[in-house]
Amino acid sequence: GRMMAALAHQLRTPLAAAMLYASNLRDAELSPEQPRKFAGKILSRLGHLERQVRDMLIFVRGDVALENVSSLGELFEELGAVM
């Protein structure tokens, strides 16, 4: 149970950030440079999500240990940059 909760958190963090940036693209009145910035942030968070899934698959196969590479601090820093 605790392992699954930790994995869900590791996936939810970059997913939530990507969803926030996508929502801003859709709903906000943006300056000309903001869409490119938000798209870059979305791609970054989705890349992080892809790496998390890759690391989980490696862990399941027993190739290497799973590392905790994301932090809540990173998410709040990025959210602060948007606000």
C-alpha atoms as a PDB file:
ATOM      1  CA  GLY A   1       0.000   0.000   0.000  1.00  0.00           C
ATOM      2  CA  ARG A   2       2.698   2.498   0.956  1.00  0.00           C
ATOM      3  CA  MET A   3       4.740   1.669  -2.139  1.00  0.00           C
ATOM      4  CA  MET A   4       1.764   2.288  -4.419  1.00  0.00           C
ATOM      5  CA  ALA A   5       1.007   5.575  -2.650  1.00  0.00           C
ATOM      6  CA  ALA A   6       4.612   6.698  -3.200  1.00  0.00           C
ATOM      7  CA  LEU A   7       4.466   5.712  -6.874  1.00  0.00           C
ATOM      8  CA  ALA A   8       1.160   7.525  -7.352  1.00  0.00           C
ATOM      9  CA  HIS A   9       2.672  10.654  -5.817  1.00  0.00           C
ATOM     10  CA  GLN A  10       5.697  10.439  -8.118  1.00  0.00           C
ATOM     11  CA  LEU A  11       3.376  10.329 -11.132  1.00  0.00           C
ATOM     12  CA  ARG A  12       0.857  12.867  -9.897  1.00  0.00           C
ATOM     13  CA  THR A  13       3.364  15.675  -9.273  1.00  0.00           C
ATOM     14  CA  PRO A  14       4.581  16.199 -12.876  1.00  0.00           C
ATOM     15  CA  LEU A  15       1.114  15.392 -14.219  1.00  0.00           C
ATOM     16  CA  ALA A  16      -0.490  18.094 -12.050  1.00  0.00           C
ATOM     17  CA  ALA A  17       2.074  20.651 -13.206  1.00  0.00           C
ATOM     18  CA  ALA A  18       1.513  19.780 -16.877  1.00  0.00           C
ATOM     19  CA  MET A  19      -2.248  20.060 -16.389  1.00  0.00           C
ATOM     20  CA  LEU A  20      -1.853  23.481 -14.781  1.00  0.00           C
ATOM     21  CA  TYR A  21       0.240  24.794 -17.673  1.00  0.00           C
ATOM     22  CA  ALA A  22      -2.205  23.353 -20.211  1.00  0.00           C
ATOM     23  CA  SER A  23      -5.089  24.988 -18.358  1.00  0.00           C
ATOM     24  CA  ASN A  24      -3.273  28.321 -18.493  1.00  0.00           C
ATOM     25  CA  LEU A  25      -2.777  27.899 -22.231  1.00  0.00           C
ATOM     26  CA  ARG A  26      -6.483  27.312 -22.668  1.00  0.00           C
ATOM     27  CA  ASP A  27      -7.985  29.803 -20.220  1.00  0.00           C
ATOM     28  CA  ALA A  28      -5.608  32.696 -19.653  1.00  0.00           C
ATOM     29  CA  GLU A  29      -5.128  35.856 -21.636  1.00  0.00           C
ATOM     30  CA  LEU A  30      -1.492  35.429 -22.572  1.00  0.00           C
ATOM     31  CA  SER A  31       1.236  37.665 -23.843  1.00  0.00           C
ATOM     32  CA  PRO A  32       2.810  36.592 -27.143  1.00  0.00           C
ATOM     33  CA  GLU A  33       5.741  34.785 -25.459  1.00  0.00           C
ATOM     34  CA  GLN A  34       3.748  32.940 -22.766  1.00  0.00           C
ATOM     35  CA  PRO A  35       2.326  30.121 -24.949  1.00  0.00           C
ATOM     36  CA  ARG A  36       5.848  29.037 -25.928  1.00  0.00           C
ATOM     37  CA  LYS A  37       6.963  29.205 -22.291  1.00  0.00           C
ATOM     38  CA  PHE A  38       3.989  27.156 -21.091  1.00  0.00           C
ATOM     39  CA  ALA A  39       4.455  24.608 -23.886  1.00  0.00           C
ATOM     40  CA  GLY A  40       8.087  24.198 -22.827  1.00  0.00           C
ATOM     41  CA  LYS A  41       7.017  23.667 -19.214  1.00  0.00           C
ATOM     42  CA  ILE A  42       4.436  21.071 -20.292  1.00  0.00           C
ATOM     43  CA  LEU A  43       7.034  19.209 -22.348  1.00  0.00           C
ATOM     44  CA  SER A  44       9.452  19.303 -19.423  1.00  0.00           C
ATOM     45  CA  ARG A  45       6.894  17.881 -16.978  1.00  0.00           C
ATOM     46  CA  LEU A  46       5.793  15.197 -19.451  1.00  0.00           C
ATOM     47  CA  GLY A  47       9.444  14.274 -20.004  1.00  0.00           C
ATOM     48  CA  HIS A  48       9.827  13.944 -16.247  1.00  0.00           C
ATOM     49  CA  LEU A  49       6.721  11.745 -16.149  1.00  0.00           C
ATOM     50  CA  GLU A  50       8.129   9.561 -18.941  1.00  0.00           C
ATOM     51  CA  ARG A  51      11.387   9.134 -17.008  1.00  0.00           C
ATOM     52  CA  GLN A  52       9.452   8.173 -13.877  1.00  0.00           C
ATOM     53  CA  VAL A  53       7.570   5.460 -15.784  1.00  0.00           C
ATOM     54  CA  ARG A  54      10.809   4.242 -17.362  1.00  0.00           C
ATOM     55  CA  ASP A  55      12.447   4.070 -13.934  1.00  0.00           C
ATOM     56  CA  MET A  56       9.495   2.114 -12.547  1.00  0.00           C
ATOM     57  CA  LEU A  57       9.743  -0.396 -15.373  1.00  0.00           C
ATOM     58  CA  ILE A  58      13.474  -0.789 -14.774  1.00  0.00           C
ATOM     59  CA  PHE A  59      12.785  -1.291 -11.067  1.00  0.00           C
ATOM     60  CA  VAL A  60      10.096  -3.916 -11.739  1.00  0.00           C
ATOM     61  CA  ARG A  61      12.514  -5.849 -13.953  1.00  0.00           C
ATOM     62  CA  GLY A  62      15.078  -5.676 -11.152  1.00  0.00           C
ATOM     63  CA  ASP A  63      17.754  -3.924 -13.217  1.00  0.00           C
ATOM     64  CA  VAL A  64      18.449  -1.033 -10.813  1.00  0.00           C
ATOM     65  CA  ALA A  65      17.013   0.629  -7.740  1.00  0.00           C
ATOM     66  CA  LEU A  66      14.288   3.218  -8.124  1.00  0.00           C
ATOM     67  CA  GLU A  67      15.428   6.754  -7.259  1.00  0.00           C
ATOM     68  CA  ASN A  68      13.279   9.537  -5.907  1.00  0.00           C
ATOM     69  CA  VAL A  69      14.169  12.367  -8.291  1.00  0.00           C
ATOM     70  CA  SER A  70      11.244  14.743  -7.995  1.00  0.00           C
ATOM     71  CA  SER A  71      10.336  16.969  -5.122  1.00  0.00           C
ATOM     72  CA  LEU A  72       7.348  18.944  -4.037  1.00  0.00           C
ATOM     73  CA  GLY A  73       9.647  21.967  -3.839  1.00  0.00           C
ATOM     74  CA  GLU A  74      10.289  21.762  -7.591  1.00  0.00           C
ATOM     75  CA  LEU A  75       6.551  21.781  -8.243  1.00  0.00           C
ATOM     76  CA  PHE A  76       5.950  24.811  -6.017  1.00  0.00           C
ATOM     77  CA  GLU A  77       8.832  26.685  -7.645  1.00  0.00           C
ATOM     78  CA  GLU A  78       7.343  26.093 -11.068  1.00  0.00           C
ATOM     79  CA  LEU A  79       3.841  26.976  -9.909  1.00  0.00           C
ATOM     80  CA  GLY A  80       5.180  30.187  -8.372  1.00  0.00           C
ATOM     81  CA  ALA A  81       6.750  31.136 -11.699  1.00  0.00           C
ATOM     82  CA  VAL A  82       3.344  30.886 -13.379  1.00  0.00           C
ATOM     83  CA  MET A  83       1.398  32.859 -10.799  1.00  0.00           C
END
